[in-house]
Amino acid sequence: AHLLLGRIHLRSGRVREAIDALKISLWSQETPQAHVTLAEAYLQGKDAAAARAEAERALALDPASEDARRLLERIDRR
């Protein structure tokens, strides 16, 4: 539920609320997609270091995650 709420906040431009909801999501269940979404939120909030850490954690959990790979490429281009 918090993953969905985080995505909604992120799409609405409420980055801080998105980050909070996504952290709660990760506390209850750690998933690669939650890490990728949190990385997106950090990137929107101009925190590339935190975004990179979350994307790398997503890849550690799921080495086949194309979303995490694409996000790392975006971070590298900044």
N, C-alpha and C. Protein backbone atom coordinates (compact mmCIF):
# COMPACT_ATOMS: atom_id res chain seq x y z
N ALA A 1 0.82 -1.19 0.00
CA ALA A 1 0.00 0.00 0.00
C ALA A 1 0.86 1.26 0.00
N HIS A 2 1.95 1.23 0.78
CA HIS A 2 2.81 2.41 0.84
C HIS A 2 3.60 2.61 -0.45
N LEU A 3 3.90 1.52 -1.15
CA LEU A 3 4.58 1.66 -2.44
C LEU A 3 3.68 2.42 -3.41
N LEU A 4 2.42 2.05 -3.46
CA LEU A 4 1.47 2.75 -4.33
C LEU A 4 1.31 4.21 -3.90
N LEU A 5 1.19 4.43 -2.61
CA LEU A 5 1.06 5.80 -2.10
C LEU A 5 2.30 6.63 -2.46
N GLY A 6 3.48 6.02 -2.34
CA GLY A 6 4.71 6.71 -2.72
C GLY A 6 4.72 7.09 -4.18
N ARG A 7 4.26 6.17 -5.03
CA ARG A 7 4.19 6.47 -6.47
C ARG A 7 3.22 7.61 -6.76
N ILE A 8 2.10 7.60 -6.07
CA ILE A 8 1.11 8.67 -6.27
C ILE A 8 1.70 10.01 -5.86
N HIS A 9 2.33 10.05 -4.70
CA HIS A 9 2.96 11.30 -4.25
C HIS A 9 4.02 11.76 -5.25
N LEU A 10 4.81 10.82 -5.74
CA LEU A 10 5.89 11.17 -6.67
C LEU A 10 5.32 11.77 -7.95
N ARG A 11 4.28 11.17 -8.48
CA ARG A 11 3.66 11.69 -9.70
C ARG A 11 3.00 13.05 -9.48
N SER A 12 2.63 13.31 -8.24
CA SER A 12 2.00 14.59 -7.91
C SER A 12 3.02 15.66 -7.54
N GLY A 13 4.29 15.30 -7.58
CA GLY A 13 5.33 16.26 -7.27
C GLY A 13 5.60 16.45 -5.79
N ARG A 14 5.03 15.60 -4.97
CA ARG A 14 5.24 15.68 -3.52
C ARG A 14 6.37 14.73 -3.13
N VAL A 15 7.58 15.15 -3.42
CA VAL A 15 8.76 14.29 -3.28
C VAL A 15 8.98 13.86 -1.84
N ARG A 16 8.92 14.78 -0.90
CA ARG A 16 9.16 14.45 0.52
C ARG A 16 8.16 13.40 1.00
N GLU A 17 6.89 13.56 0.66
CA GLU A 17 5.87 12.59 1.06
C GLU A 17 6.11 11.25 0.38
N ALA A 18 6.55 11.29 -0.86
CA ALA A 18 6.86 10.06 -1.59
C ALA A 18 7.99 9.31 -0.90
N ILE A 19 9.05 10.02 -0.55
CA ILE A 19 10.19 9.39 0.12
C ILE A 19 9.75 8.75 1.43
N ASP A 20 8.97 9.46 2.22
CA ASP A 20 8.49 8.92 3.50
C ASP A 20 7.68 7.65 3.30
N ALA A 21 6.74 7.67 2.35
CA ALA A 21 5.90 6.49 2.10
C ALA A 21 6.73 5.32 1.59
N LEU A 22 7.70 5.61 0.74
CA LEU A 22 8.52 4.53 0.18
C LEU A 22 9.44 3.92 1.23
N LYS A 23 9.93 4.72 2.15
CA LYS A 23 10.74 4.17 3.24
C LYS A 23 9.90 3.22 4.10
N ILE A 24 8.66 3.61 4.37
CA ILE A 24 7.76 2.73 5.13
C ILE A 24 7.53 1.44 4.36
N SER A 25 7.33 1.56 3.06
CA SER A 25 7.15 0.37 2.22
C SER A 25 8.33 -0.57 2.34
N LEU A 26 9.53 -0.02 2.33
CA LEU A 26 10.74 -0.85 2.43
C LEU A 26 10.89 -1.46 3.82
N TRP A 27 10.44 -0.77 4.85
CA TRP A 27 10.51 -1.34 6.19
C TRP A 27 9.61 -2.56 6.30
N SER A 28 8.46 -2.53 5.65
CA SER A 28 7.54 -3.66 5.75
C SER A 28 7.90 -4.79 4.79
N GLN A 29 8.42 -4.45 3.62
CA GLN A 29 8.84 -5.48 2.66
C GLN A 29 9.84 -4.88 1.68
N GLU A 30 11.04 -5.39 1.72
CA GLU A 30 12.09 -4.89 0.83
C GLU A 30 11.94 -5.52 -0.55
N THR A 31 11.69 -4.69 -1.55
CA THR A 31 11.57 -5.18 -2.92
C THR A 31 12.43 -4.32 -3.84
N PRO A 32 12.90 -4.90 -4.94
CA PRO A 32 13.67 -4.10 -5.89
C PRO A 32 12.87 -2.91 -6.41
N GLN A 33 11.58 -3.11 -6.68
CA GLN A 33 10.77 -2.02 -7.24
C GLN A 33 10.62 -0.86 -6.26
N ALA A 34 10.50 -1.17 -4.98
CA ALA A 34 10.41 -0.10 -3.99
C ALA A 34 11.72 0.70 -3.96
N HIS A 35 12.85 0.01 -4.07
CA HIS A 35 14.13 0.71 -4.10
C HIS A 35 14.25 1.58 -5.36
N VAL A 36 13.80 1.07 -6.49
CA VAL A 36 13.85 1.85 -7.73
C VAL A 36 12.97 3.09 -7.62
N THR A 37 11.78 2.92 -7.07
CA THR A 37 10.88 4.06 -6.94
C THR A 37 11.43 5.08 -5.96
N LEU A 38 12.04 4.61 -4.87
CA LEU A 38 12.67 5.53 -3.92
C LEU A 38 13.84 6.25 -4.58
N ALA A 39 14.59 5.54 -5.40
CA ALA A 39 15.69 6.17 -6.14
C ALA A 39 15.16 7.27 -7.05
N GLU A 40 14.05 7.02 -7.71
CA GLU A 40 13.42 8.04 -8.56
C GLU A 40 13.05 9.27 -7.73
N ALA A 41 12.50 9.03 -6.55
CA ALA A 41 12.11 10.15 -5.68
C ALA A 41 13.34 10.95 -5.26
N TYR A 42 14.40 10.26 -4.87
CA TYR A 42 15.62 10.97 -4.50
C TYR A 42 16.17 11.77 -5.68
N LEU A 43 16.11 11.19 -6.86
CA LEU A 43 16.61 11.88 -8.04
C LEU A 43 15.79 13.15 -8.31
N GLN A 44 14.48 13.05 -8.18
CA GLN A 44 13.63 14.23 -8.35
C GLN A 44 13.92 15.27 -7.28
N GLY A 45 14.31 14.80 -6.10
CA GLY A 45 14.65 15.71 -5.01
C GLY A 45 16.09 16.19 -5.06
N LYS A 46 16.78 15.91 -6.16
CA LYS A 46 18.15 16.38 -6.40
C LYS A 46 19.19 15.75 -5.47
N ASP A 47 18.93 14.51 -5.02
CA ASP A 47 19.89 13.79 -4.19
C ASP A 47 20.40 12.58 -4.97
N ALA A 48 21.35 12.84 -5.86
CA ALA A 48 21.85 11.79 -6.75
C ALA A 48 22.57 10.69 -5.98
N ALA A 49 23.25 11.02 -4.90
CA ALA A 49 23.98 10.00 -4.13
C ALA A 49 23.00 9.00 -3.51
N ALA A 50 21.93 9.50 -2.93
CA ALA A 50 20.92 8.61 -2.34
C ALA A 50 20.21 7.82 -3.44
N ALA A 51 19.96 8.45 -4.57
CA ALA A 51 19.32 7.76 -5.70
C ALA A 51 20.19 6.61 -6.17
N ARG A 52 21.49 6.86 -6.29
CA ARG A 52 22.42 5.81 -6.72
C ARG A 52 22.41 4.65 -5.73
N ALA A 53 22.45 4.95 -4.45
CA ALA A 53 22.47 3.90 -3.43
C ALA A 53 21.22 3.02 -3.52
N GLU A 54 20.07 3.64 -3.72
CA GLU A 54 18.82 2.87 -3.83
C GLU A 54 18.79 2.04 -5.11
N ALA A 55 19.24 2.59 -6.22
CA ALA A 55 19.26 1.85 -7.48
C ALA A 55 20.23 0.68 -7.38
N GLU A 56 21.37 0.89 -6.74
CA GLU A 56 22.33 -0.20 -6.57
C GLU A 56 21.77 -1.30 -5.67
N ARG A 57 21.01 -0.92 -4.64
CA ARG A 57 20.39 -1.92 -3.76
C ARG A 57 19.35 -2.72 -4.56
N ALA A 58 18.60 -2.05 -5.42
CA ALA A 58 17.63 -2.76 -6.26
C ALA A 58 18.34 -3.78 -7.14
N LEU A 59 19.48 -3.40 -7.71
CA LEU A 59 20.24 -4.33 -8.54
C LEU A 59 20.82 -5.48 -7.73
N ALA A 60 21.20 -5.22 -6.49
CA ALA A 60 21.71 -6.29 -5.64
C ALA A 60 20.61 -7.32 -5.36
N LEU A 61 19.38 -6.84 -5.19
CA LEU A 61 18.26 -7.74 -4.95
C LEU A 61 17.81 -8.45 -6.22
N ASP A 62 17.89 -7.75 -7.34
CA ASP A 62 17.46 -8.30 -8.63
C ASP A 62 18.43 -7.85 -9.72
N PRO A 63 19.47 -8.64 -9.96
CA PRO A 63 20.47 -8.25 -10.96
C PRO A 63 19.91 -8.09 -12.37
N ALA A 64 18.72 -8.59 -12.62
CA ALA A 64 18.11 -8.47 -13.95
C ALA A 64 17.20 -7.24 -14.07
N SER A 65 17.16 -6.40 -13.05
CA SER A 65 16.26 -5.24 -13.05
C SER A 65 16.68 -4.20 -14.09
N GLU A 66 15.93 -4.14 -15.17
CA GLU A 66 16.20 -3.15 -16.21
C GLU A 66 15.88 -1.74 -15.71
N ASP A 67 14.85 -1.62 -14.87
CA ASP A 67 14.50 -0.31 -14.33
C ASP A 67 15.67 0.27 -13.54
N ALA A 68 16.30 -0.55 -12.72
CA ALA A 68 17.44 -0.09 -11.92
C ALA A 68 18.61 0.28 -12.82
N ARG A 69 18.85 -0.53 -13.84
CA ARG A 69 19.96 -0.24 -14.76
C ARG A 69 19.74 1.09 -15.50
N ARG A 70 18.53 1.28 -16.00
CA ARG A 70 18.22 2.53 -16.71
C ARG A 70 18.35 3.74 -15.79
N LEU A 71 17.92 3.57 -14.56
CA LEU A 71 18.02 4.67 -13.61
C LEU A 71 19.48 5.00 -13.31
N LEU A 72 20.32 3.99 -13.15
CA LEU A 72 21.75 4.25 -12.93
C LEU A 72 22.37 4.96 -14.13
N GLU A 73 21.94 4.60 -15.33
CA GLU A 73 22.44 5.29 -16.52
C GLU A 73 22.02 6.76 -16.50
N ARG A 74 20.78 7.03 -16.10
CA ARG A 74 20.32 8.43 -16.00
C ARG A 74 21.13 9.20 -14.97
N ILE A 75 21.42 8.56 -13.85
CA ILE A 75 22.20 9.22 -12.80
C ILE A 75 23.60 9.53 -13.32
N ASP A 76 24.18 8.59 -14.04
CA ASP A 76 25.54 8.78 -14.58
C ASP A 76 25.60 9.92 -15.59
N ARG A 77 24.50 10.16 -16.31
CA ARG A 77 24.48 11.22 -17.32
C ARG A 77 24.35 12.61 -16.70
N ARG A 78 24.02 12.69 -15.45
CA ARG A 78 23.82 14.00 -14.78
C ARG A 78 25.13 14.64 -14.45
